[in-house]
Protein backbone atom coordinates (compact mmCIF):
# COMPACT_ATOMS: atom_id res chain seq x y z
CA UNK A 1 0.00 0.00 0.00
CA UNK A 2 1.03 3.57 -0.55
CA UNK A 3 1.56 6.07 2.21
CA UNK A 4 -1.64 7.22 3.88
CA UNK A 5 -2.66 10.41 2.08
CA UNK A 6 -6.15 11.70 2.63
CA UNK A 7 -8.36 11.70 -0.46
CA UNK A 8 -9.83 15.09 -1.29
CA UNK A 9 -13.20 15.95 -2.82
CA UNK A 10 -11.41 16.53 -6.13
CA UNK A 11 -10.30 12.88 -6.14
CA UNK A 12 -13.91 11.75 -5.75
CA UNK A 13 -14.98 14.14 -8.53
CA UNK A 14 -12.30 12.70 -10.83
CA UNK A 15 -13.42 9.09 -10.37
CA UNK A 16 -17.17 8.90 -10.95
CA UNK A 17 -17.89 5.15 -10.58
CA UNK A 18 -16.50 1.74 -11.53
CA UNK A 19 -17.77 0.28 -14.80
CA UNK A 20 -18.68 -3.35 -14.23
CA UNK A 21 -19.34 -5.06 -17.55
CA UNK A 22 -18.50 -8.50 -18.87
CA UNK A 23 -15.46 -7.11 -20.68
CA UNK A 24 -14.17 -5.21 -17.65
CA UNK A 25 -14.52 -8.34 -15.51
CA UNK A 26 -12.37 -10.27 -17.99
CA UNK A 27 -9.77 -7.47 -17.86
CA UNK A 28 -9.74 -7.70 -14.07
CA UNK A 29 -9.15 -11.45 -14.13
CA UNK A 30 -6.50 -11.43 -16.87
CA UNK A 31 -4.40 -8.31 -16.27
CA UNK A 32 -5.39 -6.85 -12.87
CA UNK A 33 -7.02 -3.84 -14.60
CA UNK A 34 -10.04 -1.93 -13.32
CA UNK A 35 -12.34 0.22 -15.47
CA UNK A 36 -13.76 3.51 -14.15
CA UNK A 37 -15.95 6.23 -15.60
CA UNK A 38 -14.05 9.44 -14.92
CA UNK A 39 -14.45 13.17 -15.42
CA UNK A 40 -14.14 14.13 -19.10
CA UNK A 41 -11.50 16.77 -18.34
CA UNK A 42 -9.34 14.52 -16.10
CA UNK A 43 -5.82 13.72 -17.27
CA UNK A 44 -3.96 10.44 -16.82
CA UNK A 45 -1.76 11.73 -13.94
CA UNK A 46 -4.85 13.11 -12.14
CA UNK A 47 -6.66 9.76 -12.53
CA UNK A 48 -3.60 7.85 -11.28
CA UNK A 49 -3.26 10.10 -8.24
CA UNK A 50 -6.99 9.91 -7.45
CA UNK A 51 -7.07 6.10 -7.58
CA UNK A 52 -3.96 5.87 -5.39
CA UNK A 53 -5.45 8.24 -2.81
CA UNK A 54 -9.00 6.89 -2.74
CA UNK A 55 -8.21 3.15 -2.77
CA UNK A 56 -4.68 3.17 -1.28
CA UNK A 57 -3.08 1.09 -4.06
CA UNK A 58 -0.07 1.43 -6.41
CA UNK A 59 -1.09 2.15 -10.00
CA UNK A 60 1.11 0.81 -12.79
CA UNK A 61 -0.53 2.54 -15.78
CA UNK A 62 -3.64 4.41 -16.92
CA UNK A 63 -5.26 4.30 -20.37
CA UNK A 64 -8.19 6.55 -21.24
CA UNK A 65 -10.90 6.35 -23.89
CA UNK A 66 -13.41 9.05 -24.78
CA UNK A 67 -16.68 7.21 -25.45
CA UNK A 68 -19.05 9.05 -27.76
CA UNK A 69 -22.76 8.78 -26.98
CA UNK A 70 -24.91 6.71 -29.30
CA UNK A 71 -27.82 8.08 -31.28
CA UNK A 72 -30.98 6.31 -30.15
CA UNK A 73 -34.72 6.53 -30.73
CA UNK A 74 -36.85 6.68 -27.58
CA UNK A 75 -40.64 6.50 -27.96
CA UNK A 76 -40.31 7.48 -31.59
CA UNK A 77 -38.18 10.55 -30.91
CA UNK A 78 -34.48 10.73 -31.77
CA UNK A 79 -32.07 11.39 -28.93
CA UNK A 80 -28.44 11.01 -28.00
CA UNK A 81 -26.79 9.37 -25.03
CA UNK A 82 -24.23 11.39 -23.12
CA UNK A 83 -20.51 11.23 -23.93
CA UNK A 84 -18.25 9.92 -21.16
CA UNK A 85 -14.60 9.16 -20.49
CA UNK A 86 -13.49 5.69 -19.49
CA UNK A 87 -10.19 4.94 -17.73
CA UNK A 88 -8.55 1.52 -17.62
CA UNK A 89 -6.35 1.49 -14.53
CA UNK A 90 -3.74 -1.26 -14.26
CA UNK A 91 -2.47 -2.00 -10.76
CA UNK A 92 0.83 -3.43 -9.57
CA UNK A 93 0.96 -7.23 -9.35
CA UNK A 94 -0.15 -7.77 -5.73
CA UNK A 95 -2.56 -4.84 -5.42
CA UNK A 96 -6.37 -5.23 -5.29
CA UNK A 97 -9.44 -3.00 -5.06
CA UNK A 98 -12.56 -4.33 -3.38
CA UNK A 99 -15.47 -2.94 -5.39
CA UNK A 100 -18.10 -5.10 -3.73
CA UNK A 101 -18.67 -7.21 -6.84
CA UNK A 102 -21.60 -9.57 -6.46
CA UNK A 103 -23.02 -7.86 -3.38
PDB file of N, CA and C in Angstrom:
ATOM      1  N   UNK A   1       0.828  -1.181   0.000  1.00  0.00           N
ATOM      2  CA  UNK A   1       0.000   0.000   0.000  1.00  0.00           C
ATOM      3  C   UNK A   1       0.874   1.247   0.000  1.00  0.00           C
ATOM      4  N   UNK A   2       0.309   2.308  -0.530  1.00  0.00           N
ATOM      5  CA  UNK A   2       1.033   3.570  -0.553  1.00  0.00           C
ATOM      6  C   UNK A   2       0.892   4.257   0.794  1.00  0.00           C
ATOM      7  N   UNK A   3       1.653   5.319   0.966  1.00  0.00           N
ATOM      8  CA  UNK A   3       1.555   6.068   2.212  1.00  0.00           C
ATOM      9  C   UNK A   3       0.152   6.651   2.353  1.00  0.00           C
ATOM     10  N   UNK A   4      -0.279   6.770   3.594  1.00  0.00           N
ATOM     11  CA  UNK A   4      -1.643   7.215   3.878  1.00  0.00           C
ATOM     12  C   UNK A   4      -1.788   8.703   3.592  1.00  0.00           C
ATOM     13  N   UNK A   5      -2.365   9.036   2.445  1.00  0.00           N
ATOM     14  CA  UNK A   5      -2.657  10.409   2.075  1.00  0.00           C
ATOM     15  C   UNK A   5      -4.163  10.515   1.979  1.00  0.00           C
ATOM     16  N   UNK A   6      -4.711  11.533   2.611  1.00  0.00           N
ATOM     17  CA  UNK A   6      -6.153  11.698   2.633  1.00  0.00           C
ATOM     18  C   UNK A   6      -6.683  12.064   1.253  1.00  0.00           C
ATOM     19  N   UNK A   7      -7.732  11.387   0.821  1.00  0.00           N
ATOM     20  CA  UNK A   7      -8.358  11.699  -0.463  1.00  0.00           C
ATOM     21  C   UNK A   7      -9.181  12.978  -0.315  1.00  0.00           C
ATOM     22  N   UNK A   8      -9.083  13.834  -1.325  1.00  0.00           N
ATOM     23  CA  UNK A   8      -9.831  15.089  -1.294  1.00  0.00           C
ATOM     24  C   UNK A   8     -11.118  14.944  -2.107  1.00  0.00           C
ATOM     25  N   UNK A   9     -11.965  15.969  -2.045  1.00  0.00           N
ATOM     26  CA  UNK A   9     -13.198  15.949  -2.815  1.00  0.00           C
ATOM     27  C   UNK A   9     -12.899  15.909  -4.307  1.00  0.00           C
ATOM     28  N   UNK A  10     -11.788  16.521  -4.711  1.00  0.00           N
ATOM     29  CA  UNK A  10     -11.414  16.525  -6.127  1.00  0.00           C
ATOM     30  C   UNK A  10     -11.147  15.104  -6.623  1.00  0.00           C
ATOM     31  N   UNK A  11     -10.560  14.263  -5.767  1.00  0.00           N
ATOM     32  CA  UNK A  11     -10.305  12.876  -6.140  1.00  0.00           C
ATOM     33  C   UNK A  11     -11.613  12.132  -6.396  1.00  0.00           C
ATOM     34  N   UNK A  12     -12.611  12.404  -5.577  1.00  0.00           N
ATOM     35  CA  UNK A  12     -13.911  11.749  -5.751  1.00  0.00           C
ATOM     36  C   UNK A  12     -14.668  12.322  -6.944  1.00  0.00           C
ATOM     37  N   UNK A  13     -14.385  13.572  -7.326  1.00  0.00           N
ATOM     38  CA  UNK A  13     -14.982  14.140  -8.533  1.00  0.00           C
ATOM     39  C   UNK A  13     -14.314  13.577  -9.786  1.00  0.00           C
ATOM     40  N   UNK A  14     -13.035  13.258  -9.693  1.00  0.00           N
ATOM     41  CA  UNK A  14     -12.303  12.702 -10.832  1.00  0.00           C
ATOM     42  C   UNK A  14     -12.799  11.308 -11.166  1.00  0.00           C
ATOM     43  N   UNK A  15     -12.931  10.453 -10.157  1.00  0.00           N
ATOM     44  CA  UNK A  15     -13.417   9.089 -10.365  1.00  0.00           C
ATOM     45  C   UNK A  15     -14.913   9.090 -10.096  1.00  0.00           C
ATOM     46  N   UNK A  16     -15.707   8.880 -11.126  1.00  0.00           N
ATOM     47  CA  UNK A  16     -17.168   8.895 -10.949  1.00  0.00           C
ATOM     48  C   UNK A  16     -17.665   7.585 -10.349  1.00  0.00           C
ATOM     49  N   UNK A  17     -17.449   6.465 -11.072  1.00  0.00           N
ATOM     50  CA  UNK A  17     -17.889   5.151 -10.580  1.00  0.00           C
ATOM     51  C   UNK A  17     -17.187   4.055 -11.372  1.00  0.00           C
ATOM     52  N   UNK A  18     -17.097   2.843 -10.787  1.00  0.00           N
ATOM     53  CA  UNK A  18     -16.500   1.739 -11.532  1.00  0.00           C
ATOM     54  C   UNK A  18     -17.481   1.228 -12.590  1.00  0.00           C
ATOM     55  N   UNK A  19     -16.949   0.804 -13.712  1.00  0.00           N
ATOM     56  CA  UNK A  19     -17.770   0.283 -14.800  1.00  0.00           C
ATOM     57  C   UNK A  19     -17.644  -1.235 -14.776  1.00  0.00           C
ATOM     58  N   UNK A  20     -18.709  -1.902 -14.360  1.00  0.00           N
ATOM     59  CA  UNK A  20     -18.679  -3.354 -14.233  1.00  0.00           C
ATOM     60  C   UNK A  20     -19.468  -3.978 -15.382  1.00  0.00           C
ATOM     61  N   UNK A  21     -18.745  -4.376 -16.414  1.00  0.00           N
ATOM     62  CA  UNK A  21     -19.336  -5.063 -17.550  1.00  0.00           C
ATOM     63  C   UNK A  21     -18.639  -6.413 -17.691  1.00  0.00           C
ATOM     64  N   UNK A  22     -19.114  -7.205 -18.632  1.00  0.00           N
ATOM     65  CA  UNK A  22     -18.497  -8.502 -18.866  1.00  0.00           C
ATOM     66  C   UNK A  22     -17.044  -8.331 -19.315  1.00  0.00           C
ATOM     67  N   UNK A  23     -16.810  -7.359 -20.175  1.00  0.00           N
ATOM     68  CA  UNK A  23     -15.463  -7.114 -20.682  1.00  0.00           C
ATOM     69  C   UNK A  23     -14.532  -6.607 -19.580  1.00  0.00           C
ATOM     70  N   UNK A  24     -15.020  -5.724 -18.720  1.00  0.00           N
ATOM     71  CA  UNK A  24     -14.172  -5.207 -17.648  1.00  0.00           C
ATOM     72  C   UNK A  24     -13.861  -6.297 -16.616  1.00  0.00           C
ATOM     73  N   UNK A  25     -14.767  -7.230 -16.417  1.00  0.00           N
ATOM     74  CA  UNK A  25     -14.515  -8.344 -15.507  1.00  0.00           C
ATOM     75  C   UNK A  25     -13.426  -9.249 -16.065  1.00  0.00           C
ATOM     76  N   UNK A  26     -13.424  -9.472 -17.369  1.00  0.00           N
ATOM     77  CA  UNK A  26     -12.365 -10.269 -17.988  1.00  0.00           C
ATOM     78  C   UNK A  26     -11.019  -9.567 -17.876  1.00  0.00           C
ATOM     79  N   UNK A  27     -11.004  -8.248 -18.028  1.00  0.00           N
ATOM     80  CA  UNK A  27      -9.768  -7.471 -17.859  1.00  0.00           C
ATOM     81  C   UNK A  27      -9.234  -7.614 -16.439  1.00  0.00           C
ATOM     82  N   UNK A  28     -10.126  -7.579 -15.468  1.00  0.00           N
ATOM     83  CA  UNK A  28      -9.736  -7.700 -14.069  1.00  0.00           C
ATOM     84  C   UNK A  28      -9.081  -9.053 -13.815  1.00  0.00           C
ATOM     85  N   UNK A  29      -9.672 -10.106 -14.353  1.00  0.00           N
ATOM     86  CA  UNK A  29      -9.147 -11.452 -14.133  1.00  0.00           C
ATOM     87  C   UNK A  29      -7.827 -11.684 -14.858  1.00  0.00           C
ATOM     88  N   UNK A  30      -7.688 -11.126 -16.062  1.00  0.00           N
ATOM     89  CA  UNK A  30      -6.501 -11.432 -16.867  1.00  0.00           C
ATOM     90  C   UNK A  30      -5.312 -10.517 -16.573  1.00  0.00           C
ATOM     91  N   UNK A  31      -5.551  -9.220 -16.367  1.00  0.00           N
ATOM     92  CA  UNK A  31      -4.404  -8.312 -16.265  1.00  0.00           C
ATOM     93  C   UNK A  31      -4.459  -7.373 -15.062  1.00  0.00           C
ATOM     94  N   UNK A  32      -5.284  -7.666 -14.076  1.00  0.00           N
ATOM     95  CA  UNK A  32      -5.387  -6.848 -12.866  1.00  0.00           C
ATOM     96  C   UNK A  32      -5.689  -5.383 -13.215  1.00  0.00           C
ATOM     97  N   UNK A  33      -6.630  -5.174 -14.153  1.00  0.00           N
ATOM     98  CA  UNK A  33      -7.021  -3.842 -14.597  1.00  0.00           C
ATOM     99  C   UNK A  33      -8.460  -3.562 -14.194  1.00  0.00           C
ATOM    100  N   UNK A  34      -8.707  -2.358 -13.718  1.00  0.00           N
ATOM    101  CA  UNK A  34     -10.037  -1.932 -13.323  1.00  0.00           C
ATOM    102  C   UNK A  34     -10.497  -0.826 -14.269  1.00  0.00           C
ATOM    103  N   UNK A  35     -11.791  -0.773 -14.548  1.00  0.00           N
ATOM    104  CA  UNK A  35     -12.341   0.220 -15.466  1.00  0.00           C
ATOM    105  C   UNK A  35     -13.227   1.173 -14.656  1.00  0.00           C
ATOM    106  N   UNK A  36     -12.988   2.480 -14.831  1.00  0.00           N
ATOM    107  CA  UNK A  36     -13.755   3.508 -14.146  1.00  0.00           C
ATOM    108  C   UNK A  36     -14.290   4.511 -15.149  1.00  0.00           C
ATOM    109  N   UNK A  37     -15.462   5.057 -14.873  1.00  0.00           N
ATOM    110  CA  UNK A  37     -15.949   6.229 -15.602  1.00  0.00           C
ATOM    111  C   UNK A  37     -15.405   7.418 -14.844  1.00  0.00           C
ATOM    112  N   UNK A  38     -14.725   8.306 -15.565  1.00  0.00           N
ATOM    113  CA  UNK A  38     -14.048   9.438 -14.925  1.00  0.00           C
ATOM    114  C   UNK A  38     -14.540  10.748 -15.534  1.00  0.00           C
ATOM    115  N   UNK A  39     -14.132  11.846 -14.917  1.00  0.00           N
ATOM    116  CA  UNK A  39     -14.450  13.173 -15.418  1.00  0.00           C
ATOM    117  C   UNK A  39     -13.846  13.352 -16.805  1.00  0.00           C
ATOM    118  N   UNK A  40     -14.607  13.977 -17.718  1.00  0.00           N
ATOM    119  CA  UNK A  40     -14.142  14.129 -19.101  1.00  0.00           C
ATOM    120  C   UNK A  40     -12.878  14.986 -19.208  1.00  0.00           C
ATOM    121  N   UNK A  41     -12.659  15.875 -18.283  1.00  0.00           N
ATOM    122  CA  UNK A  41     -11.500  16.771 -18.336  1.00  0.00           C
ATOM    123  C   UNK A  41     -10.295  16.234 -17.545  1.00  0.00           C
ATOM    124  N   UNK A  42     -10.415  15.075 -16.915  1.00  0.00           N
ATOM    125  CA  UNK A  42      -9.335  14.519 -16.096  1.00  0.00           C
ATOM    126  C   UNK A  42      -8.213  13.988 -16.979  1.00  0.00           C
ATOM    127  N   UNK A  43      -6.985  14.226 -16.550  1.00  0.00           N
ATOM    128  CA  UNK A  43      -5.815  13.725 -17.267  1.00  0.00           C
ATOM    129  C   UNK A  43      -5.356  12.409 -16.639  1.00  0.00           C
ATOM    130  N   UNK A  44      -4.459  11.714 -17.332  1.00  0.00           N
ATOM    131  CA  UNK A  44      -3.960  10.437 -16.821  1.00  0.00           C
ATOM    132  C   UNK A  44      -3.257  10.576 -15.466  1.00  0.00           C
ATOM    133  N   UNK A  45      -2.385  11.581 -15.271  1.00  0.00           N
ATOM    134  CA  UNK A  45      -1.763  11.730 -13.941  1.00  0.00           C
ATOM    135  C   UNK A  45      -2.783  12.029 -12.834  1.00  0.00           C
ATOM    136  N   UNK A  46      -3.815  12.816 -13.145  1.00  0.00           N
ATOM    137  CA  UNK A  46      -4.847  13.108 -12.143  1.00  0.00           C
ATOM    138  C   UNK A  46      -5.612  11.842 -11.783  1.00  0.00           C
ATOM    139  N   UNK A  47      -5.934  11.014 -12.772  1.00  0.00           N
ATOM    140  CA  UNK A  47      -6.663   9.764 -12.526  1.00  0.00           C
ATOM    141  C   UNK A  47      -5.811   8.824 -11.686  1.00  0.00           C
ATOM    142  N   UNK A  48      -4.526   8.717 -12.025  1.00  0.00           N
ATOM    143  CA  UNK A  48      -3.604   7.849 -11.277  1.00  0.00           C
ATOM    144  C   UNK A  48      -3.524   8.280  -9.821  1.00  0.00           C
ATOM    145  N   UNK A  49      -3.359   9.574  -9.602  1.00  0.00           N
ATOM    146  CA  UNK A  49      -3.258  10.097  -8.236  1.00  0.00           C
ATOM    147  C   UNK A  49      -4.557   9.884  -7.460  1.00  0.00           C
ATOM    148  N   UNK A  50      -5.699  10.081  -8.117  1.00  0.00           N
ATOM    149  CA  UNK A  50      -6.987   9.915  -7.451  1.00  0.00           C
ATOM    150  C   UNK A  50      -7.216   8.464  -7.040  1.00  0.00           C
ATOM    151  N   UNK A  51      -6.889   7.518  -7.914  1.00  0.00           N
ATOM    152  CA  UNK A  51      -7.067   6.097  -7.582  1.00  0.00           C
ATOM    153  C   UNK A  51      -6.141   5.711  -6.433  1.00  0.00           C
ATOM    154  N   UNK A  52      -4.902   6.187  -6.465  1.00  0.00           N
ATOM    155  CA  UNK A  52      -3.964   5.866  -5.394  1.00  0.00           C
ATOM    156  C   UNK A  52      -4.434   6.431  -4.058  1.00  0.00           C
ATOM    157  N   UNK A  53      -4.989   7.631  -4.064  1.00  0.00           N
ATOM    158  CA  UNK A  53      -5.450   8.242  -2.812  1.00  0.00           C
ATOM    159  C   UNK A  53      -6.738   7.613  -2.301  1.00  0.00           C
ATOM    160  N   UNK A  54      -7.701   7.383  -3.184  1.00  0.00           N
ATOM    161  CA  UNK A  54      -9.002   6.885  -2.736  1.00  0.00           C
ATOM    162  C   UNK A  54      -8.927   5.428  -2.291  1.00  0.00           C
ATOM    163  N   UNK A  55      -8.230   4.584  -3.058  1.00  0.00           N
ATOM    164  CA  UNK A  55      -8.212   3.153  -2.765  1.00  0.00           C
ATOM    165  C   UNK A  55      -6.943   2.688  -2.067  1.00  0.00           C
ATOM    166  N   UNK A  56      -5.911   3.532  -1.971  1.00  0.00           N
ATOM    167  CA  UNK A  56      -4.685   3.168  -1.275  1.00  0.00           C
ATOM    168  C   UNK A  56      -3.912   2.061  -1.967  1.00  0.00           C
ATOM    169  N   UNK A  57      -3.790   2.104  -3.290  1.00  0.00           N
ATOM    170  CA  UNK A  57      -3.081   1.090  -4.059  1.00  0.00           C
ATOM    171  C   UNK A  57      -2.015   1.753  -4.930  1.00  0.00           C
ATOM    172  N   UNK A  58      -1.094   0.943  -5.472  1.00  0.00           N
ATOM    173  CA  UNK A  58      -0.069   1.432  -6.406  1.00  0.00           C
ATOM    174  C   UNK A  58      -0.562   1.192  -7.821  1.00  0.00           C
ATOM    175  N   UNK A  59      -0.618   2.247  -8.621  1.00  0.00           N
ATOM    176  CA  UNK A  59      -1.088   2.153 -10.000  1.00  0.00           C
ATOM    177  C   UNK A  59       0.116   2.013 -10.921  1.00  0.00           C
ATOM    178  N   UNK A  60       0.039   1.039 -11.828  1.00  0.00           N
ATOM    179  CA  UNK A  60       1.110   0.809 -12.788  1.00  0.00           C
ATOM    180  C   UNK A  60       0.938   1.687 -14.025  1.00  0.00           C
ATOM    181  N   UNK A  61      -0.288   1.726 -14.582  1.00  0.00           N
ATOM    182  CA  UNK A  61      -0.534   2.540 -15.778  1.00  0.00           C
ATOM    183  C   UNK A  61      -2.007   2.908 -15.873  1.00  0.00           C
ATOM    184  N   UNK A  62      -2.279   3.946 -16.681  1.00  0.00           N
ATOM    185  CA  UNK A  62      -3.642   4.412 -16.919  1.00  0.00           C
ATOM    186  C   UNK A  62      -3.822   4.627 -18.423  1.00  0.00           C
ATOM    187  N   UNK A  63      -4.867   4.055 -18.982  1.00  0.00           N
ATOM    188  CA  UNK A  63      -5.256   4.299 -20.371  1.00  0.00           C
ATOM    189  C   UNK A  63      -6.650   4.904 -20.354  1.00  0.00           C
ATOM    190  N   UNK A  64      -6.884   5.897 -21.210  1.00  0.00           N
ATOM    191  CA  UNK A  64      -8.191   6.549 -21.244  1.00  0.00           C
ATOM    192  C   UNK A  64      -8.808   6.436 -22.628  1.00  0.00           C
ATOM    193  N   UNK A  65     -10.131   6.420 -22.652  1.00  0.00           N
ATOM    194  CA  UNK A  65     -10.896   6.347 -23.885  1.00  0.00           C
ATOM    195  C   UNK A  65     -12.067   7.307 -23.760  1.00  0.00           C
ATOM    196  N   UNK A  66     -12.261   8.158 -24.754  1.00  0.00           N
ATOM    197  CA  UNK A  66     -13.414   9.052 -24.779  1.00  0.00           C
ATOM    198  C   UNK A  66     -14.521   8.352 -25.553  1.00  0.00           C
ATOM    199  N   UNK A  67     -15.569   7.959 -24.846  1.00  0.00           N
ATOM    200  CA  UNK A  67     -16.677   7.209 -25.449  1.00  0.00           C
ATOM    201  C   UNK A  67     -17.745   8.196 -25.914  1.00  0.00           C
ATOM    202  N   UNK A  68     -18.028   8.180 -27.194  1.00  0.00           N
ATOM    203  CA  UNK A  68     -19.052   9.051 -27.760  1.00  0.00           C
ATOM    204  C   UNK A  68     -20.420   8.426 -27.535  1.00  0.00           C
ATOM    205  N   UNK A  69     -21.410   9.262 -27.221  1.00  0.00           N
ATOM    206  CA  UNK A  69     -22.762   8.780 -26.984  1.00  0.00           C
ATOM    207  C   UNK A  69     -23.414   8.298 -28.273  1.00  0.00           C
ATOM    208  N   UNK A  70     -24.233   7.275 -28.143  1.00  0.00           N
ATOM    209  CA  UNK A  70     -24.911   6.708 -29.302  1.00  0.00           C
ATOM    210  C   UNK A  70     -26.183   7.492 -29.611  1.00  0.00           C
ATOM    211  N   UNK A  71     -26.535   7.531 -30.886  1.00  0.00           N
ATOM    212  CA  UNK A  71     -27.819   8.085 -31.285  1.00  0.00           C
ATOM    213  C   UNK A  71     -28.867   6.996 -31.129  1.00  0.00           C
ATOM    214  N   UNK A  72     -29.936   7.286 -30.425  1.00  0.00           N
ATOM    215  CA  UNK A  72     -30.982   6.309 -30.153  1.00  0.00           C
ATOM    216  C   UNK A  72     -32.350   6.926 -30.441  1.00  0.00           C
ATOM    217  N   UNK A  73     -33.338   6.069 -30.581  1.00  0.00           N
ATOM    218  CA  UNK A  73     -34.719   6.525 -30.731  1.00  0.00           C
ATOM    219  C   UNK A  73     -35.474   6.047 -29.501  1.00  0.00           C
ATOM    220  N   UNK A  74     -36.098   6.989 -28.795  1.00  0.00           N
ATOM    221  CA  UNK A  74     -36.845   6.679 -27.582  1.00  0.00           C
ATOM    222  C   UNK A  74     -38.274   7.153 -27.763  1.00  0.00           C
ATOM    223  N   UNK A  75     -39.216   6.220 -27.747  1.00  0.00           N
ATOM    224  CA  UNK A  75     -40.640   6.503 -27.961  1.00  0.00           C
ATOM    225  C   UNK A  75     -40.874   7.270 -29.261  1.00  0.00           C
ATOM    226  N   UNK A  76     -40.132   6.878 -30.285  1.00  0.00           N
ATOM    227  CA  UNK A  76     -40.309   7.475 -31.595  1.00  0.00           C
ATOM    228  C   UNK A  76     -39.596   8.790 -31.806  1.00  0.00           C
ATOM    229  N   UNK A  77     -38.893   9.276 -30.784  1.00  0.00           N
ATOM    230  CA  UNK A  77     -38.183  10.552 -30.911  1.00  0.00           C
ATOM    231  C   UNK A  77     -36.679  10.304 -30.871  1.00  0.00           C
ATOM    232  N   UNK A  78     -35.939  10.933 -31.782  1.00  0.00           N
ATOM    233  CA  UNK A  78     -34.480  10.734 -31.768  1.00  0.00           C
ATOM    234  C   UNK A  78     -33.838  11.437 -30.575  1.00  0.00           C
ATOM    235  N   UNK A  79     -32.811  10.816 -30.054  1.00  0.00           N
ATOM    236  CA  UNK A  79     -32.066  11.392 -28.935  1.00  0.00           C
ATOM    237  C   UNK A  79     -30.634  10.911 -28.983  1.00  0.00           C
ATOM    238  N   UNK A  80     -29.843  11.376 -28.038  1.00  0.00           N
ATOM    239  CA  UNK A  80     -28.436  11.009 -27.997  1.00  0.00           C
ATOM    240  C   UNK A  80     -28.031  10.752 -26.561  1.00  0.00           C
ATOM    241  N   UNK A  81     -27.335   9.647 -26.354  1.00  0.00           N
ATOM    242  CA  UNK A  81     -26.792   9.367 -25.031  1.00  0.00           C
ATOM    243  C   UNK A  81     -25.607  10.288 -24.760  1.00  0.00           C
ATOM    244  N   UNK A  82     -25.308  10.484 -23.509  1.00  0.00           N
ATOM    245  CA  UNK A  82     -24.233  11.392 -23.118  1.00  0.00           C
ATOM    246  C   UNK A  82     -22.860  10.791 -23.429  1.00  0.00           C
ATOM    247  N   UNK A  83     -21.900  11.659 -23.766  1.00  0.00           N
ATOM    248  CA  UNK A  83     -20.509  11.233 -23.926  1.00  0.00           C
ATOM    249  C   UNK A  83     -19.914  11.027 -22.532  1.00  0.00           C
ATOM    250  N   UNK A  84     -18.936  10.111 -22.428  1.00  0.00           N
ATOM    251  CA  UNK A  84     -18.250   9.924 -21.159  1.00  0.00           C
ATOM    252  C   UNK A  84     -16.830   9.450 -21.419  1.00  0.00           C
ATOM    253  N   UNK A  85     -15.994   9.582 -20.393  1.00  0.00           N
ATOM    254  CA  UNK A  85     -14.605   9.159 -20.490  1.00  0.00           C
ATOM    255  C   UNK A  85     -14.404   7.940 -19.610  1.00  0.00           C
ATOM    256  N   UNK A  86     -13.727   6.949 -20.172  1.00  0.00           N
ATOM    257  CA  UNK A  86     -13.487   5.693 -19.486  1.00  0.00           C
ATOM    258  C   UNK A  86     -11.991   5.563 -19.248  1.00  0.00           C
ATOM    259  N   UNK A  87     -11.598   5.130 -18.059  1.00  0.00           N
ATOM    260  CA  UNK A  87     -10.192   4.936 -17.730  1.00  0.00           C
ATOM    261  C   UNK A  87      -9.960   3.480 -17.350  1.00  0.00           C
ATOM    262  N   UNK A  88      -8.963   2.877 -17.973  1.00  0.00           N
ATOM    263  CA  UNK A  88      -8.554   1.518 -17.621  1.00  0.00           C
ATOM    264  C   UNK A  88      -7.295   1.657 -16.773  1.00  0.00           C
ATOM    265  N   UNK A  89      -7.421   1.293 -15.503  1.00  0.00           N
ATOM    266  CA  UNK A  89      -6.351   1.488 -14.526  1.00  0.00           C
ATOM    267  C   UNK A  89      -5.737   0.130 -14.217  1.00  0.00           C
ATOM    268  N   UNK A  90      -4.453  -0.011 -14.538  1.00  0.00           N
ATOM    269  CA  UNK A  90      -3.739  -1.262 -14.264  1.00  0.00           C
ATOM    270  C   UNK A  90      -2.952  -1.108 -12.974  1.00  0.00           C
ATOM    271  N   UNK A  91      -3.134  -2.059 -12.066  1.00  0.00           N
ATOM    272  CA  UNK A  91      -2.472  -2.003 -10.761  1.00  0.00           C
ATOM    273  C   UNK A  91      -1.209  -2.850 -10.757  1.00  0.00           C
ATOM    274  N   UNK A  92      -0.352  -2.603  -9.775  1.00  0.00           N
ATOM    275  CA  UNK A  92       0.834  -3.435  -9.575  1.00  0.00           C
ATOM    276  C   UNK A  92       0.390  -4.864  -9.270  1.00  0.00           C
ATOM    277  N   UNK A  93       1.304  -5.808  -9.353  1.00  0.00           N
ATOM    278  CA  UNK A  93       0.957  -7.231  -9.348  1.00  0.00           C
ATOM    279  C   UNK A  93       0.171  -7.699  -8.121  1.00  0.00           C
ATOM    280  N   UNK A  94       0.515  -7.256  -6.935  1.00  0.00           N
ATOM    281  CA  UNK A  94      -0.147  -7.769  -5.731  1.00  0.00           C
ATOM    282  C   UNK A  94      -1.238  -6.849  -5.181  1.00  0.00           C
ATOM    283  N   UNK A  95      -1.567  -5.803  -5.885  1.00  0.00           N
ATOM    284  CA  UNK A  95      -2.565  -4.845  -5.424  1.00  0.00           C
ATOM    285  C   UNK A  95      -3.972  -5.284  -5.839  1.00  0.00           C
ATOM    286  N   UNK A  96      -4.970  -4.913  -5.019  1.00  0.00           N
ATOM    287  CA  UNK A  96      -6.370  -5.230  -5.293  1.00  0.00           C
ATOM    288  C   UNK A  96      -7.260  -4.085  -4.820  1.00  0.00           C
ATOM    289  N   UNK A  97      -8.407  -3.941  -5.493  1.00  0.00           N
ATOM    290  CA  UNK A  97      -9.437  -2.999  -5.060  1.00  0.00           C
ATOM    291  C   UNK A  97     -10.689  -3.810  -4.836  1.00  0.00           C
ATOM    292  N   UNK A  98     -11.302  -3.645  -3.671  1.00  0.00           N
ATOM    293  CA  UNK A  98     -12.562  -4.328  -3.377  1.00  0.00           C
ATOM    294  C   UNK A  98     -13.713  -3.416  -3.788  1.00  0.00           C
ATOM    295  N   UNK A  99     -14.370  -3.757  -4.894  1.00  0.00           N
ATOM    296  CA  UNK A  99     -15.469  -2.938  -5.395  1.00  0.00           C
ATOM    297  C   UNK A  99     -16.827  -3.470  -4.969  1.00  0.00           C
ATOM    298  N   UNK A 100     -16.834  -4.532  -4.172  1.00  0.00           N
ATOM    299  CA  UNK A 100     -18.100  -5.102  -3.729  1.00  0.00           C
ATOM    300  C   UNK A 100     -18.827  -5.814  -4.863  1.00  0.00           C
ATOM    301  N   UNK A 101     -18.092  -6.508  -5.702  1.00  0.00           N
ATOM    302  CA  UNK A 101     -18.675  -7.211  -6.844  1.00  0.00           C
ATOM    303  C   UNK A 101     -19.511  -8.367  -6.329  1.00  0.00           C
ATOM    304  N   UNK A 102     -20.728  -8.469  -6.833  1.00  0.00           N
ATOM    305  CA  UNK A 102     -21.600  -9.570  -6.465  1.00  0.00           C
ATOM    306  C   UNK A 102     -22.341  -9.343  -5.165  1.00  0.00           C
ATOM    307  N   UNK A 103     -22.319  -8.147  -4.639  1.00  0.00           N
ATOM    308  CA  UNK A 103     -23.022  -7.858  -3.379  1.00  0.00           C
ATOM    309  C   UNK A 103     -24.417  -7.379  -3.677  1.00  0.00           C
TER     310      UNK A 103
END
